Amino acid sequence: MIGLDVFLPGLMSAAATSSKQRLGAMFVRSSAEHLAVKENIAKIAICYNIWEHVQNRMELLRQVSRVLCQDGLLLLVVPNRFWVIETHYRLPLLSWLPRSLANAYLRVTRRGTEYDVSCPSWWELKESLECGGFGVNNLNLFIIRNFNVLYPEPEYLGATKHRVGCLVSLLLNALPDRIAELISNLLTEAFFVTAEKLPSK
């Protein structure tokens, strides 16, 4: 297990936890666009809420493809641009706005000066992954339809979000697959994706 990040205090904290729990993980300070590890060494790569912070997404995918073994798997969790409450600054519709208006919105609400996040729509994320040489498996609908199994108690999400999740799950279980998939891609807070590295052409 190798953890990579640019944030040194986070790496130090992760290393201390790994040592305490005897996980045997290694941590390296490295940007997402320049992964400081050898090629073809990993069966699984996990990008958990980093996609929206990376400027050159195609270079990230090239780096991930480089370090993955053949038929390796990339797991991603990526915030949805069209989620009503933006997940970083907790402001309604922030990620829907053009960058100049988003910056002004942050200044007016005193949450910051520059909106430095770029959340994709589902279709933008899918296109990027496919162009990067990955086969894409969208898990959104499966997760929402099985919400009560995956999140049986409200502690992790909070009571309000848990209630909303249960209602949405009931709705999507009652709808045909195509309509339910479209709604899940528009209204999910984050995309849960597995992407398989495809053979080079």
N, C-alpha and C. Protein backbone atom coordinates (compact mmCIF):
# COMPACT_ATOMS: atom_id res chain seq x y z
N MET A 1 0.84 -1.18 0.00
CA MET A 1 0.00 0.00 0.00
C MET A 1 0.89 1.24 0.00
N ILE A 2 0.66 2.13 -0.98
CA ILE A 2 1.44 3.36 -1.10
C ILE A 2 0.47 4.53 -1.15
N GLY A 3 0.67 5.51 -0.26
CA GLY A 3 -0.13 6.71 -0.26
C GLY A 3 0.66 7.88 -0.81
N LEU A 4 0.06 8.65 -1.70
CA LEU A 4 0.74 9.80 -2.30
C LEU A 4 -0.09 11.05 -2.11
N ASP A 5 0.57 12.14 -1.75
CA ASP A 5 -0.13 13.41 -1.56
C ASP A 5 0.91 14.53 -1.57
N VAL A 6 0.46 15.75 -1.82
CA VAL A 6 1.36 16.91 -1.76
C VAL A 6 1.38 17.52 -0.36
N PHE A 7 0.42 17.15 0.48
CA PHE A 7 0.25 17.79 1.80
C PHE A 7 1.06 17.02 2.83
N LEU A 8 2.20 17.57 3.21
CA LEU A 8 3.13 16.87 4.08
C LEU A 8 2.55 16.54 5.46
N PRO A 9 1.86 17.47 6.14
CA PRO A 9 1.29 17.10 7.46
C PRO A 9 0.32 15.92 7.37
N GLY A 10 -0.45 15.86 6.28
CA GLY A 10 -1.36 14.74 6.10
C GLY A 10 -0.61 13.43 5.93
N LEU A 11 0.48 13.47 5.17
CA LEU A 11 1.30 12.27 4.98
C LEU A 11 1.90 11.80 6.29
N MET A 12 2.37 12.75 7.11
CA MET A 12 2.96 12.41 8.40
C MET A 12 1.92 11.79 9.33
N SER A 13 0.73 12.34 9.32
CA SER A 13 -0.35 11.80 10.15
C SER A 13 -0.72 10.39 9.69
N ALA A 14 -0.81 10.19 8.36
CA ALA A 14 -1.14 8.88 7.82
C ALA A 14 -0.06 7.86 8.16
N ALA A 15 1.20 8.28 8.07
CA ALA A 15 2.31 7.38 8.39
C ALA A 15 2.27 6.97 9.86
N ALA A 16 1.94 7.92 10.74
CA ALA A 16 1.85 7.60 12.17
C ALA A 16 0.72 6.61 12.44
N THR A 17 -0.42 6.81 11.78
CA THR A 17 -1.55 5.88 11.94
C THR A 17 -1.20 4.50 11.42
N SER A 18 -0.55 4.47 10.25
CA SER A 18 -0.15 3.19 9.66
C SER A 18 0.80 2.44 10.58
N SER A 19 1.75 3.17 11.16
CA SER A 19 2.71 2.55 12.08
C SER A 19 2.01 2.02 13.33
N LYS A 20 1.10 2.82 13.88
CA LYS A 20 0.40 2.45 15.09
C LYS A 20 -0.45 1.19 14.88
N GLN A 21 -1.08 1.10 13.70
CA GLN A 21 -1.95 -0.03 13.41
C GLN A 21 -1.23 -1.16 12.65
N ARG A 22 0.08 -0.98 12.45
CA ARG A 22 0.92 -1.99 11.78
C ARG A 22 0.38 -2.38 10.40
N LEU A 23 0.08 -1.36 9.60
CA LEU A 23 -0.47 -1.60 8.27
C LEU A 23 0.61 -1.84 7.22
N GLY A 24 1.82 -1.39 7.51
CA GLY A 24 2.91 -1.58 6.56
C GLY A 24 2.81 -0.73 5.31
N ALA A 25 2.09 0.39 5.38
CA ALA A 25 1.95 1.26 4.22
C ALA A 25 3.15 2.19 4.10
N MET A 26 3.37 2.67 2.88
CA MET A 26 4.44 3.62 2.62
C MET A 26 3.81 4.91 2.09
N PHE A 27 4.37 6.07 2.47
CA PHE A 27 3.79 7.34 2.06
C PHE A 27 4.86 8.20 1.39
N VAL A 28 4.48 8.79 0.25
CA VAL A 28 5.41 9.55 -0.58
C VAL A 28 4.80 10.89 -0.92
N ARG A 29 5.61 11.96 -0.77
CA ARG A 29 5.13 13.28 -1.18
C ARG A 29 5.26 13.39 -2.70
N SER A 30 4.11 13.58 -3.35
CA SER A 30 4.10 13.56 -4.81
C SER A 30 2.82 14.19 -5.31
N SER A 31 2.90 14.92 -6.42
CA SER A 31 1.69 15.48 -7.02
C SER A 31 0.97 14.40 -7.82
N ALA A 32 -0.31 14.61 -8.07
CA ALA A 32 -1.10 13.63 -8.81
C ALA A 32 -0.65 13.52 -10.25
N GLU A 33 -0.10 14.61 -10.80
CA GLU A 33 0.32 14.60 -12.20
C GLU A 33 1.72 14.01 -12.40
N HIS A 34 2.43 13.76 -11.30
CA HIS A 34 3.79 13.21 -11.39
C HIS A 34 3.98 12.19 -10.27
N LEU A 35 3.34 11.04 -10.41
CA LEU A 35 3.38 10.02 -9.36
C LEU A 35 4.79 9.45 -9.24
N ALA A 36 5.37 9.61 -8.05
CA ALA A 36 6.77 9.24 -7.83
C ALA A 36 6.91 7.76 -7.46
N VAL A 37 6.40 6.88 -8.34
CA VAL A 37 6.52 5.44 -8.14
C VAL A 37 6.79 4.79 -9.49
N LYS A 38 7.28 3.55 -9.46
CA LYS A 38 7.60 2.83 -10.68
C LYS A 38 6.33 2.46 -11.44
N GLU A 39 6.51 2.09 -12.71
CA GLU A 39 5.36 1.69 -13.52
C GLU A 39 5.02 0.23 -13.30
N ASN A 40 3.75 -0.09 -13.58
CA ASN A 40 3.23 -1.46 -13.51
C ASN A 40 3.42 -2.12 -12.14
N ILE A 41 3.18 -1.37 -11.06
CA ILE A 41 3.40 -1.94 -9.73
C ILE A 41 2.10 -2.12 -8.94
N ALA A 42 0.98 -1.54 -9.42
CA ALA A 42 -0.24 -1.54 -8.61
C ALA A 42 -1.38 -2.27 -9.31
N LYS A 43 -2.13 -3.04 -8.54
CA LYS A 43 -3.34 -3.67 -9.06
C LYS A 43 -4.54 -2.74 -8.95
N ILE A 44 -4.51 -1.86 -7.94
CA ILE A 44 -5.62 -0.94 -7.70
C ILE A 44 -5.06 0.44 -7.37
N ALA A 45 -5.65 1.47 -7.98
CA ALA A 45 -5.34 2.86 -7.64
C ALA A 45 -6.63 3.52 -7.17
N ILE A 46 -6.54 4.28 -6.10
CA ILE A 46 -7.72 4.94 -5.53
C ILE A 46 -7.53 6.45 -5.58
N CYS A 47 -8.47 7.14 -6.23
CA CYS A 47 -8.50 8.60 -6.25
C CYS A 47 -9.77 9.04 -5.53
N TYR A 48 -9.62 9.40 -4.29
CA TYR A 48 -10.78 9.72 -3.45
C TYR A 48 -10.85 11.24 -3.26
N ASN A 49 -11.78 11.87 -3.98
CA ASN A 49 -11.99 13.31 -3.89
C ASN A 49 -10.73 14.12 -4.19
N ILE A 50 -10.00 13.73 -5.24
CA ILE A 50 -8.87 14.55 -5.69
C ILE A 50 -9.05 15.04 -7.12
N TRP A 51 -9.90 14.36 -7.90
CA TRP A 51 -10.08 14.70 -9.31
C TRP A 51 -10.37 16.19 -9.49
N GLU A 52 -11.24 16.72 -8.65
CA GLU A 52 -11.68 18.12 -8.80
C GLU A 52 -10.60 19.13 -8.44
N HIS A 53 -9.51 18.66 -7.82
CA HIS A 53 -8.42 19.57 -7.44
C HIS A 53 -7.24 19.53 -8.41
N VAL A 54 -7.26 18.61 -9.36
CA VAL A 54 -6.14 18.42 -10.28
C VAL A 54 -6.36 19.27 -11.53
N GLN A 55 -5.33 20.03 -11.91
CA GLN A 55 -5.47 20.89 -13.08
C GLN A 55 -5.39 20.11 -14.38
N ASN A 56 -4.46 19.15 -14.47
CA ASN A 56 -4.28 18.39 -15.70
C ASN A 56 -4.79 16.96 -15.48
N ARG A 57 -6.07 16.75 -15.72
CA ARG A 57 -6.68 15.45 -15.45
C ARG A 57 -6.14 14.36 -16.37
N MET A 58 -5.87 14.71 -17.64
CA MET A 58 -5.36 13.70 -18.57
C MET A 58 -3.97 13.23 -18.15
N GLU A 59 -3.17 14.12 -17.60
CA GLU A 59 -1.86 13.69 -17.11
C GLU A 59 -2.01 12.80 -15.88
N LEU A 60 -2.98 13.12 -15.03
CA LEU A 60 -3.27 12.23 -13.90
C LEU A 60 -3.61 10.84 -14.40
N LEU A 61 -4.47 10.75 -15.42
CA LEU A 61 -4.85 9.44 -15.94
C LEU A 61 -3.67 8.72 -16.59
N ARG A 62 -2.81 9.46 -17.27
CA ARG A 62 -1.62 8.85 -17.85
C ARG A 62 -0.73 8.27 -16.76
N GLN A 63 -0.59 9.01 -15.66
CA GLN A 63 0.24 8.55 -14.54
C GLN A 63 -0.37 7.32 -13.88
N VAL A 64 -1.68 7.34 -13.68
CA VAL A 64 -2.36 6.19 -13.06
C VAL A 64 -2.22 4.97 -13.97
N SER A 65 -2.43 5.17 -15.25
CA SER A 65 -2.29 4.06 -16.21
C SER A 65 -0.86 3.51 -16.19
N ARG A 66 0.11 4.38 -16.03
CA ARG A 66 1.52 3.97 -16.01
C ARG A 66 1.82 3.07 -14.81
N VAL A 67 1.28 3.41 -13.65
CA VAL A 67 1.62 2.65 -12.44
C VAL A 67 0.75 1.41 -12.27
N LEU A 68 -0.39 1.35 -12.97
CA LEU A 68 -1.26 0.18 -12.86
C LEU A 68 -0.71 -0.98 -13.69
N CYS A 69 -0.88 -2.18 -13.17
CA CYS A 69 -0.61 -3.39 -13.95
C CYS A 69 -1.66 -3.51 -15.05
N GLN A 70 -1.39 -4.37 -16.02
CA GLN A 70 -2.39 -4.62 -17.06
C GLN A 70 -3.69 -5.12 -16.42
N ASP A 71 -4.82 -4.60 -16.87
CA ASP A 71 -6.14 -4.90 -16.30
C ASP A 71 -6.28 -4.39 -14.86
N GLY A 72 -5.41 -3.44 -14.47
CA GLY A 72 -5.54 -2.83 -13.15
C GLY A 72 -6.80 -1.99 -13.06
N LEU A 73 -7.18 -1.66 -11.85
CA LEU A 73 -8.46 -0.99 -11.60
C LEU A 73 -8.25 0.34 -10.89
N LEU A 74 -8.91 1.37 -11.41
CA LEU A 74 -8.92 2.69 -10.80
C LEU A 74 -10.27 2.89 -10.13
N LEU A 75 -10.26 3.22 -8.84
CA LEU A 75 -11.48 3.52 -8.10
C LEU A 75 -11.53 5.02 -7.84
N LEU A 76 -12.63 5.65 -8.20
CA LEU A 76 -12.76 7.09 -8.03
C LEU A 76 -14.02 7.46 -7.26
N VAL A 77 -13.89 8.48 -6.43
CA VAL A 77 -15.04 9.17 -5.86
C VAL A 77 -14.84 10.64 -6.22
N VAL A 78 -15.80 11.20 -6.96
CA VAL A 78 -15.66 12.55 -7.51
C VAL A 78 -16.94 13.34 -7.26
N PRO A 79 -16.87 14.52 -6.65
CA PRO A 79 -18.09 15.31 -6.43
C PRO A 79 -18.77 15.69 -7.74
N ASN A 80 -20.08 15.75 -7.70
CA ASN A 80 -20.91 16.07 -8.87
C ASN A 80 -21.12 17.57 -8.97
N ARG A 81 -20.84 18.13 -10.14
CA ARG A 81 -21.05 19.57 -10.35
C ARG A 81 -22.49 19.98 -10.05
N PHE A 82 -23.45 19.11 -10.36
CA PHE A 82 -24.86 19.50 -10.25
C PHE A 82 -25.49 19.16 -8.90
N TRP A 83 -24.68 18.73 -7.93
CA TRP A 83 -25.23 18.59 -6.57
C TRP A 83 -25.58 19.98 -6.05
N VAL A 84 -26.71 20.11 -5.42
CA VAL A 84 -27.24 21.44 -5.06
C VAL A 84 -26.33 22.19 -4.09
N ILE A 85 -25.79 21.51 -3.09
CA ILE A 85 -24.90 22.13 -2.11
C ILE A 85 -23.47 21.72 -2.45
N GLU A 86 -22.65 22.68 -2.89
CA GLU A 86 -21.26 22.37 -3.25
C GLU A 86 -20.54 21.77 -2.05
N THR A 87 -19.78 20.69 -2.29
CA THR A 87 -19.29 19.87 -1.19
C THR A 87 -18.09 20.43 -0.44
N HIS A 88 -17.37 21.41 -0.99
CA HIS A 88 -16.19 21.94 -0.33
C HIS A 88 -16.50 23.18 0.50
N TYR A 89 -17.28 24.09 -0.06
CA TYR A 89 -17.59 25.34 0.62
C TYR A 89 -19.00 25.37 1.20
N ARG A 90 -19.78 24.32 0.93
CA ARG A 90 -21.13 24.17 1.48
C ARG A 90 -22.05 25.34 1.12
N LEU A 91 -21.93 25.82 -0.12
CA LEU A 91 -22.77 26.91 -0.60
C LEU A 91 -23.70 26.40 -1.71
N PRO A 92 -24.97 26.80 -1.68
CA PRO A 92 -25.91 26.34 -2.72
C PRO A 92 -25.48 26.80 -4.11
N LEU A 93 -25.49 25.86 -5.06
CA LEU A 93 -25.30 26.12 -6.49
C LEU A 93 -23.93 26.70 -6.86
N LEU A 94 -22.97 26.69 -5.95
CA LEU A 94 -21.66 27.29 -6.22
C LEU A 94 -20.99 26.65 -7.43
N SER A 95 -21.01 25.33 -7.52
CA SER A 95 -20.32 24.65 -8.61
C SER A 95 -21.04 24.77 -9.95
N TRP A 96 -22.24 25.32 -9.94
CA TRP A 96 -22.99 25.53 -11.18
C TRP A 96 -22.53 26.80 -11.92
N LEU A 97 -21.87 27.70 -11.20
CA LEU A 97 -21.58 29.04 -11.71
C LEU A 97 -20.30 29.10 -12.52
N PRO A 98 -20.22 30.04 -13.48
CA PRO A 98 -18.93 30.32 -14.12
C PRO A 98 -17.92 30.76 -13.07
N ARG A 99 -16.64 30.56 -13.34
CA ARG A 99 -15.60 30.80 -12.34
C ARG A 99 -15.64 32.23 -11.78
N SER A 100 -15.85 33.24 -12.63
CA SER A 100 -15.85 34.63 -12.15
C SER A 100 -16.99 34.86 -11.14
N LEU A 101 -18.18 34.31 -11.42
CA LEU A 101 -19.30 34.45 -10.49
C LEU A 101 -19.09 33.63 -9.23
N ALA A 102 -18.48 32.45 -9.38
CA ALA A 102 -18.19 31.62 -8.20
C ALA A 102 -17.21 32.34 -7.27
N ASN A 103 -16.20 32.99 -7.84
CA ASN A 103 -15.24 33.76 -7.03
C ASN A 103 -15.94 34.89 -6.28
N ALA A 104 -16.83 35.60 -6.99
CA ALA A 104 -17.57 36.69 -6.36
C ALA A 104 -18.48 36.17 -5.25
N TYR A 105 -19.11 35.02 -5.49
CA TYR A 105 -19.99 34.37 -4.50
C TYR A 105 -19.21 34.05 -3.23
N LEU A 106 -17.99 33.52 -3.38
CA LEU A 106 -17.16 33.21 -2.22
C LEU A 106 -16.80 34.47 -1.44
N ARG A 107 -16.47 35.55 -2.17
CA ARG A 107 -16.08 36.79 -1.49
C ARG A 107 -17.26 37.40 -0.74
N VAL A 108 -18.44 37.40 -1.38
CA VAL A 108 -19.64 37.98 -0.76
C VAL A 108 -20.00 37.21 0.51
N THR A 109 -19.87 35.89 0.48
CA THR A 109 -20.23 35.05 1.63
C THR A 109 -19.07 34.88 2.62
N ARG A 110 -17.92 35.50 2.29
CA ARG A 110 -16.72 35.45 3.14
C ARG A 110 -16.23 34.03 3.39
N ARG A 111 -16.39 33.17 2.38
CA ARG A 111 -15.90 31.79 2.48
C ARG A 111 -14.53 31.64 1.80
N GLY A 112 -14.10 32.65 1.08
CA GLY A 112 -12.82 32.58 0.38
C GLY A 112 -12.75 33.68 -0.67
N THR A 113 -11.70 33.63 -1.49
CA THR A 113 -11.52 34.64 -2.53
C THR A 113 -11.50 34.04 -3.94
N GLU A 114 -11.16 32.76 -4.03
CA GLU A 114 -11.07 32.12 -5.35
C GLU A 114 -11.60 30.70 -5.28
N TYR A 115 -12.49 30.39 -6.20
CA TYR A 115 -13.05 29.03 -6.27
C TYR A 115 -12.06 28.15 -7.03
N ASP A 116 -11.34 27.34 -6.29
CA ASP A 116 -10.22 26.57 -6.83
C ASP A 116 -10.58 25.10 -7.06
N VAL A 117 -11.86 24.82 -7.25
CA VAL A 117 -12.34 23.46 -7.43
C VAL A 117 -13.04 23.36 -8.78
N SER A 118 -12.91 22.23 -9.45
CA SER A 118 -13.58 22.04 -10.74
C SER A 118 -14.27 20.68 -10.76
N CYS A 119 -15.51 20.65 -10.29
CA CYS A 119 -16.27 19.41 -10.25
C CYS A 119 -16.87 19.13 -11.62
N PRO A 120 -16.79 17.89 -12.11
CA PRO A 120 -17.34 17.57 -13.42
C PRO A 120 -18.79 17.12 -13.34
N SER A 121 -19.45 17.13 -14.49
CA SER A 121 -20.70 16.40 -14.63
C SER A 121 -20.34 14.93 -14.86
N TRP A 122 -21.34 14.05 -14.79
CA TRP A 122 -21.07 12.64 -15.04
C TRP A 122 -20.53 12.43 -16.45
N TRP A 123 -21.10 13.14 -17.42
CA TRP A 123 -20.72 12.93 -18.82
C TRP A 123 -19.30 13.42 -19.09
N GLU A 124 -18.89 14.50 -18.44
CA GLU A 124 -17.51 14.99 -18.58
C GLU A 124 -16.52 13.99 -17.97
N LEU A 125 -16.85 13.47 -16.80
CA LEU A 125 -15.97 12.50 -16.14
C LEU A 125 -15.84 11.24 -16.98
N LYS A 126 -16.95 10.74 -17.47
CA LYS A 126 -16.94 9.51 -18.29
C LYS A 126 -16.10 9.71 -19.55
N GLU A 127 -16.28 10.83 -20.22
CA GLU A 127 -15.51 11.09 -21.44
C GLU A 127 -14.01 11.17 -21.16
N SER A 128 -13.63 11.82 -20.07
CA SER A 128 -12.21 11.93 -19.71
C SER A 128 -11.61 10.55 -19.46
N LEU A 129 -12.31 9.72 -18.71
CA LEU A 129 -11.81 8.38 -18.39
C LEU A 129 -11.67 7.53 -19.65
N GLU A 130 -12.65 7.60 -20.52
CA GLU A 130 -12.58 6.82 -21.76
C GLU A 130 -11.46 7.31 -22.66
N CYS A 131 -11.28 8.62 -22.75
CA CYS A 131 -10.17 9.17 -23.54
C CYS A 131 -8.82 8.80 -22.94
N GLY A 132 -8.80 8.57 -21.63
CA GLY A 132 -7.57 8.18 -20.95
C GLY A 132 -7.27 6.69 -21.02
N GLY A 133 -8.10 5.94 -21.73
CA GLY A 133 -7.84 4.52 -21.91
C GLY A 133 -8.42 3.61 -20.85
N PHE A 134 -9.55 4.03 -20.26
CA PHE A 134 -10.19 3.24 -19.21
C PHE A 134 -11.61 2.85 -19.62
N GLY A 135 -12.00 1.63 -19.26
CA GLY A 135 -13.38 1.21 -19.37
C GLY A 135 -14.11 1.61 -18.10
N VAL A 136 -15.27 2.24 -18.23
CA VAL A 136 -15.92 2.90 -17.10
C VAL A 136 -17.13 2.12 -16.62
N ASN A 137 -17.22 1.94 -15.29
CA ASN A 137 -18.38 1.31 -14.67
C ASN A 137 -18.95 2.27 -13.63
N ASN A 138 -20.13 2.79 -13.90
CA ASN A 138 -20.80 3.76 -13.04
C ASN A 138 -21.58 3.01 -11.94
N LEU A 139 -21.22 3.25 -10.68
CA LEU A 139 -21.86 2.55 -9.57
C LEU A 139 -22.97 3.37 -8.90
N ASN A 140 -23.25 4.57 -9.43
CA ASN A 140 -24.18 5.48 -8.76
C ASN A 140 -25.55 4.85 -8.51
N LEU A 141 -26.14 4.31 -9.57
CA LEU A 141 -27.50 3.78 -9.43
C LEU A 141 -27.53 2.60 -8.47
N PHE A 142 -26.53 1.73 -8.55
CA PHE A 142 -26.46 0.59 -7.63
C PHE A 142 -26.40 1.07 -6.18
N ILE A 143 -25.57 2.08 -5.92
CA ILE A 143 -25.41 2.57 -4.55
C ILE A 143 -26.70 3.20 -4.04
N ILE A 144 -27.34 4.02 -4.88
CA ILE A 144 -28.56 4.69 -4.41
C ILE A 144 -29.70 3.69 -4.22
N ARG A 145 -29.83 2.75 -5.15
CA ARG A 145 -30.90 1.76 -5.00
C ARG A 145 -30.68 0.85 -3.79
N ASN A 146 -29.44 0.68 -3.38
CA ASN A 146 -29.12 -0.15 -2.22
C ASN A 146 -28.70 0.69 -1.01
N PHE A 147 -29.21 1.90 -0.97
CA PHE A 147 -28.82 2.86 0.07
C PHE A 147 -29.03 2.31 1.48
N ASN A 148 -30.18 1.69 1.71
CA ASN A 148 -30.50 1.20 3.06
C ASN A 148 -29.57 0.07 3.51
N VAL A 149 -29.04 -0.68 2.54
CA VAL A 149 -28.10 -1.75 2.88
C VAL A 149 -26.72 -1.17 3.16
N LEU A 150 -26.30 -0.22 2.32
CA LEU A 150 -24.96 0.37 2.46
C LEU A 150 -24.88 1.35 3.63
N TYR A 151 -25.99 2.03 3.91
CA TYR A 151 -26.03 3.01 5.00
C TYR A 151 -27.23 2.71 5.90
N PRO A 152 -27.16 1.62 6.68
CA PRO A 152 -28.32 1.23 7.50
C PRO A 152 -28.61 2.19 8.64
N GLU A 153 -27.61 2.93 9.09
CA GLU A 153 -27.78 3.88 10.20
C GLU A 153 -27.37 5.28 9.74
N PRO A 154 -27.89 6.33 10.38
CA PRO A 154 -27.63 7.70 9.93
C PRO A 154 -26.32 8.31 10.43
N GLU A 155 -25.56 7.59 11.28
CA GLU A 155 -24.40 8.21 11.92
C GLU A 155 -23.39 8.77 10.92
N TYR A 156 -23.11 8.03 9.85
CA TYR A 156 -22.06 8.46 8.92
C TYR A 156 -22.47 9.70 8.12
N LEU A 157 -23.71 9.74 7.65
CA LEU A 157 -24.17 10.82 6.78
C LEU A 157 -24.87 11.95 7.53
N GLY A 158 -25.36 11.66 8.72
CA GLY A 158 -26.19 12.63 9.42
C GLY A 158 -27.66 12.33 9.15
N ALA A 159 -28.51 12.74 10.07
CA ALA A 159 -29.93 12.36 10.02
C ALA A 159 -30.64 12.89 8.78
N THR A 160 -30.44 14.16 8.46
CA THR A 160 -31.15 14.76 7.32
C THR A 160 -30.76 14.10 6.01
N LYS A 161 -29.44 13.99 5.77
CA LYS A 161 -28.97 13.40 4.52
C LYS A 161 -29.38 11.93 4.42
N HIS A 162 -29.41 11.24 5.55
CA HIS A 162 -29.82 9.85 5.56
C HIS A 162 -31.29 9.71 5.16
N ARG A 163 -32.14 10.58 5.68
CA ARG A 163 -33.57 10.55 5.33
C ARG A 163 -33.77 10.82 3.84
N VAL A 164 -33.05 11.83 3.32
CA VAL A 164 -33.14 12.15 1.90
C VAL A 164 -32.69 10.95 1.06
N GLY A 165 -31.57 10.32 1.46
CA GLY A 165 -31.08 9.15 0.75
C GLY A 165 -32.08 8.02 0.71
N CYS A 166 -32.75 7.79 1.81
CA CYS A 166 -33.77 6.73 1.86
C CYS A 166 -34.94 7.03 0.93
N LEU A 167 -35.37 8.30 0.87
CA LEU A 167 -36.48 8.69 -0.01
C LEU A 167 -36.08 8.56 -1.48
N VAL A 168 -34.88 9.03 -1.80
CA VAL A 168 -34.41 8.93 -3.19
C VAL A 168 -34.27 7.47 -3.60
N SER A 169 -33.79 6.64 -2.67
CA SER A 169 -33.65 5.21 -2.95
C SER A 169 -35.01 4.58 -3.28
N LEU A 170 -36.03 4.92 -2.50
CA LEU A 170 -37.38 4.42 -2.78
C LEU A 170 -37.86 4.85 -4.16
N LEU A 171 -37.62 6.11 -4.49
CA LEU A 171 -38.04 6.65 -5.79
C LEU A 171 -37.35 5.92 -6.93
N LEU A 172 -36.02 5.78 -6.85
CA LEU A 172 -35.27 5.19 -7.96
C LEU A 172 -35.53 3.70 -8.10
N ASN A 173 -35.87 3.04 -7.01
CA ASN A 173 -36.23 1.63 -7.11
C ASN A 173 -37.57 1.44 -7.81
N ALA A 174 -38.41 2.48 -7.82
CA ALA A 174 -39.73 2.38 -8.46
C ALA A 174 -39.70 2.77 -9.93
N LEU A 175 -38.59 3.37 -10.39
CA LEU A 175 -38.52 3.86 -11.76
C LEU A 175 -37.79 2.88 -12.68
N PRO A 176 -38.06 2.94 -13.98
CA PRO A 176 -37.31 2.12 -14.95
C PRO A 176 -35.82 2.48 -14.92
N ASP A 177 -34.97 1.54 -15.31
CA ASP A 177 -33.52 1.70 -15.19
C ASP A 177 -33.00 2.96 -15.87
N ARG A 178 -33.42 3.22 -17.10
CA ARG A 178 -32.87 4.36 -17.85
C ARG A 178 -33.19 5.69 -17.19
N ILE A 179 -34.43 5.84 -16.75
CA ILE A 179 -34.83 7.09 -16.08
C ILE A 179 -34.12 7.21 -14.73
N ALA A 180 -34.07 6.10 -13.99
CA ALA A 180 -33.41 6.11 -12.69
C ALA A 180 -31.92 6.43 -12.83
N GLU A 181 -31.27 5.90 -13.88
CA GLU A 181 -29.86 6.18 -14.08
C GLU A 181 -29.62 7.65 -14.40
N LEU A 182 -30.46 8.23 -15.23
CA LEU A 182 -30.33 9.65 -15.56
C LEU A 182 -30.48 10.50 -14.31
N ILE A 183 -31.49 10.21 -13.50
CA ILE A 183 -31.70 10.97 -12.27
C ILE A 183 -30.52 10.81 -11.32
N SER A 184 -30.01 9.58 -11.19
CA SER A 184 -28.89 9.36 -10.28
C SER A 184 -27.65 10.09 -10.74
N ASN A 185 -27.43 10.19 -12.05
CA ASN A 185 -26.27 10.90 -12.57
C ASN A 185 -26.38 12.41 -12.39
N LEU A 186 -27.60 12.92 -12.35
CA LEU A 186 -27.80 14.35 -12.16
C LEU A 186 -27.81 14.74 -10.69
N LEU A 187 -28.40 13.90 -9.84
CA LEU A 187 -28.70 14.31 -8.48
C LEU A 187 -27.81 13.70 -7.41
N THR A 188 -26.88 12.82 -7.77
CA THR A 188 -26.03 12.24 -6.74
C THR A 188 -25.01 13.26 -6.24
N GLU A 189 -24.66 13.19 -4.98
CA GLU A 189 -23.68 14.12 -4.42
C GLU A 189 -22.29 13.88 -5.00
N ALA A 190 -21.95 12.61 -5.20
CA ALA A 190 -20.64 12.26 -5.75
C ALA A 190 -20.78 11.04 -6.64
N PHE A 191 -19.87 10.92 -7.58
CA PHE A 191 -19.84 9.76 -8.47
C PHE A 191 -18.92 8.70 -7.89
N PHE A 192 -19.41 7.47 -7.87
CA PHE A 192 -18.62 6.31 -7.45
C PHE A 192 -18.36 5.49 -8.71
N VAL A 193 -17.09 5.36 -9.07
CA VAL A 193 -16.74 4.80 -10.37
C VAL A 193 -15.61 3.78 -10.21
N THR A 194 -15.72 2.68 -10.94
CA THR A 194 -14.57 1.82 -11.16
C THR A 194 -14.20 1.94 -12.63
N ALA A 195 -12.91 2.05 -12.90
CA ALA A 195 -12.43 2.22 -14.28
C ALA A 195 -11.29 1.23 -14.52
N GLU A 196 -11.50 0.34 -15.46
CA GLU A 196 -10.51 -0.69 -15.74
C GLU A 196 -9.53 -0.23 -16.81
N LYS A 197 -8.24 -0.42 -16.54
CA LYS A 197 -7.22 -0.06 -17.53
C LYS A 197 -7.35 -1.00 -18.72
N LEU A 198 -7.54 -0.42 -19.90
CA LEU A 198 -7.73 -1.22 -21.10
C LEU A 198 -6.38 -1.50 -21.77
N PRO A 199 -6.28 -2.60 -22.52
CA PRO A 199 -5.03 -2.89 -23.22
C PRO A 199 -4.67 -1.78 -24.19
N SER A 200 -3.37 -1.49 -24.31
CA SER A 200 -2.92 -0.45 -25.24
C SER A 200 -3.20 -0.90 -26.67
N LYS A 201 -3.59 0.05 -27.51
CA LYS A 201 -3.89 -0.26 -28.91
C LYS A 201 -2.60 -0.24 -29.72
